[in-house]
Amino acid sequence: MSIYHGWRPLCADVQQHDVAHKREADATPDATLDTASPPIHLRHAQPVMVLLPRTASWIASLPERVRPRALAAQYARIANLLCAVWDDPLACRHYFNDLLAGARPDRKGFPVVVLRELNDLQAYYIGMRDAFDRSRKKQ
């Protein structure tokens, strides 16, 4: 249904077509889909493989000892996602758990320096959130 139906009548020079019927009419035996060929691209959008400015600012705002520099250099996509979920405690904890203890069998794992940064960042996050929760309970 068009958004213009019921709002005002269409002009005389506007034509309406039912797209589903047009596709069936245009299909020829040569234009049928080849069901045997695999899909070319399954993902609709590619993740951002470069460090976003927001992520760079977030990393700079962290204490020096927990800044994930190797993670940002080698896995910018993951750093961007951590930045995106940083203010959502439940989502951030789930993402840390997925990164550090994920059950996918095809994962290669992280280099030691990146793994150390992720562990340090997770420990900092848990400590920071626990301190924040304790201060809110006192009020």
Protein backbone atom coordinates (compact mmCIF):
# COMPACT_ATOMS: atom_id res chain seq x y z
CA MET A 1 0.00 0.00 0.00
CA SER A 2 1.28 3.42 -0.87
CA ILE A 3 1.64 6.14 1.71
CA TYR A 4 -0.27 8.42 -0.65
CA HIS A 5 -3.47 6.35 -0.73
CA GLY A 6 -6.17 7.98 1.32
CA TRP A 7 -4.25 11.19 1.74
CA ARG A 8 -5.14 12.80 -1.55
CA PRO A 9 -5.95 11.53 -5.02
CA LEU A 10 -3.08 10.80 -7.38
CA CYS A 11 -2.44 13.14 -10.28
CA ALA A 12 -3.49 12.00 -13.74
CA ASP A 13 0.14 11.66 -14.87
CA VAL A 14 1.09 9.27 -12.04
CA GLN A 15 0.81 5.60 -12.87
CA GLN A 16 0.37 2.80 -10.35
CA HIS A 17 1.99 -0.56 -10.94
CA ASP A 18 1.91 -3.73 -8.93
CA VAL A 19 5.59 -4.59 -8.69
CA ALA A 20 5.04 -8.28 -7.92
CA HIS A 21 3.10 -8.86 -11.14
CA LYS A 22 5.62 -6.89 -13.18
CA ARG A 23 8.51 -9.09 -12.00
CA GLU A 24 6.64 -12.25 -12.92
CA ALA A 25 5.85 -10.86 -16.37
CA ASP A 26 9.45 -9.79 -16.98
CA ALA A 27 10.87 -13.17 -15.99
CA THR A 28 11.95 -15.28 -18.92
CA PRO A 29 13.14 -18.89 -18.84
CA ASP A 30 16.73 -17.63 -19.26
CA ALA A 31 16.39 -15.19 -16.34
CA THR A 32 15.51 -17.79 -13.70
CA LEU A 33 17.61 -17.88 -10.57
CA ASP A 34 20.37 -20.44 -10.34
CA THR A 35 19.68 -22.14 -7.01
CA ALA A 36 22.88 -24.19 -7.15
CA SER A 37 25.25 -21.22 -6.88
CA PRO A 38 26.23 -20.19 -3.35
CA PRO A 39 25.44 -16.70 -2.09
CA ILE A 40 28.15 -14.23 -2.94
CA HIS A 41 27.91 -12.07 0.17
CA LEU A 42 25.99 -12.99 3.30
CA ARG A 43 26.72 -9.96 5.50
CA HIS A 44 24.67 -6.88 4.65
CA ALA A 45 27.16 -4.33 5.94
CA GLN A 46 30.86 -4.65 6.61
CA PRO A 47 32.01 -3.80 10.14
CA VAL A 48 34.18 -0.74 10.48
CA MET A 49 37.79 -1.93 10.33
CA VAL A 50 39.35 1.40 11.34
CA LEU A 51 39.38 3.04 14.73
CA LEU A 52 36.54 5.54 14.98
CA PRO A 53 37.22 9.01 16.46
CA ARG A 54 34.79 8.26 19.29
CA THR A 55 36.75 5.11 20.13
CA ALA A 56 40.05 6.99 20.10
CA SER A 57 38.58 9.53 22.54
CA TRP A 58 37.27 6.72 24.75
CA ILE A 59 40.69 5.06 24.84
CA ALA A 60 42.33 8.38 25.72
CA SER A 61 39.86 8.83 28.58
CA LEU A 62 40.88 5.53 30.18
CA PRO A 63 43.68 5.34 32.77
CA GLU A 64 47.09 4.82 31.17
CA ARG A 65 47.50 1.31 32.62
CA VAL A 66 44.32 -0.07 30.96
CA ARG A 67 44.39 1.63 27.56
CA PRO A 68 43.97 -1.10 24.92
CA ARG A 69 46.56 0.13 22.39
CA ALA A 70 47.38 -3.25 20.82
CA LEU A 71 43.67 -4.09 20.62
CA ALA A 72 42.99 -0.80 18.83
CA ALA A 73 45.87 -1.34 16.42
CA GLN A 74 45.16 -4.98 15.58
CA TYR A 75 41.40 -5.29 16.17
CA ALA A 76 39.86 -1.84 15.66
CA ARG A 77 36.45 -3.44 15.04
CA ILE A 78 36.46 -4.97 18.53
CA ALA A 79 37.66 -1.72 20.13
CA ASN A 80 34.83 0.13 18.38
CA LEU A 81 32.29 -2.37 19.71
CA LEU A 82 33.69 -2.17 23.25
CA CYS A 83 33.40 1.61 23.09
CA ALA A 84 29.80 1.29 21.90
CA VAL A 85 28.72 -0.97 24.79
CA TRP A 86 30.91 0.61 27.49
CA ASP A 87 28.02 2.54 29.08
CA ASP A 88 25.64 -0.45 29.07
CA PRO A 89 26.79 -2.69 31.95
CA LEU A 90 24.87 -5.79 30.90
CA ALA A 91 25.87 -5.59 27.24
CA CYS A 92 29.49 -4.82 28.11
CA ARG A 93 29.80 -7.77 30.48
CA HIS A 94 28.26 -10.07 27.88
CA TYR A 95 30.65 -8.79 25.23
CA PHE A 96 33.69 -9.27 27.49
CA ASN A 97 32.52 -12.81 28.27
CA ASP A 98 32.01 -13.53 24.59
CA LEU A 99 35.48 -12.23 23.74
CA LEU A 100 37.35 -13.94 26.55
CA ALA A 101 35.39 -17.15 27.06
CA GLY A 102 33.38 -17.56 23.89
CA ALA A 103 32.33 -21.06 22.96
CA ARG A 104 32.81 -20.77 19.20
CA PRO A 105 35.10 -23.61 18.13
CA ASP A 106 36.51 -21.83 15.06
CA ARG A 107 38.13 -18.96 16.97
CA LYS A 108 41.89 -18.61 16.71
CA GLY A 109 42.26 -16.62 19.90
CA PHE A 110 44.00 -13.32 20.54
CA PRO A 111 47.72 -12.61 20.71
CA VAL A 112 49.02 -12.58 24.30
CA VAL A 113 49.40 -8.79 24.45
CA VAL A 114 45.80 -8.23 23.27
CA LEU A 115 44.49 -10.89 25.66
CA ARG A 116 46.33 -9.19 28.54
CA GLU A 117 44.82 -5.82 27.57
CA LEU A 118 41.32 -7.30 27.40
CA ASN A 119 41.74 -8.93 30.82
CA ASP A 120 43.06 -5.68 32.35
CA LEU A 121 40.25 -3.68 30.76
CA GLN A 122 37.63 -6.14 31.99
CA ALA A 123 39.03 -6.05 35.54
CA TYR A 124 39.04 -2.24 35.45
CA TYR A 125 35.47 -2.18 34.14
CA ILE A 126 34.18 -4.56 36.80
CA GLY A 127 35.96 -2.61 39.56
CA MET A 128 34.70 0.71 38.21
CA ARG A 129 31.10 -0.50 37.93
CA ASP A 130 31.15 -2.16 41.35
CA ALA A 131 32.46 1.05 42.94
CA PHE A 132 29.75 3.03 41.14
CA ASP A 133 27.04 0.61 42.31
CA ARG A 134 28.30 0.79 45.93
CA SER A 135 28.27 4.58 45.87
CA ARG A 136 24.69 4.62 44.56
CA LYS A 137 23.53 2.28 47.35
CA LYS A 138 24.92 4.64 50.03
CA GLN A 139 22.79 7.54 48.80
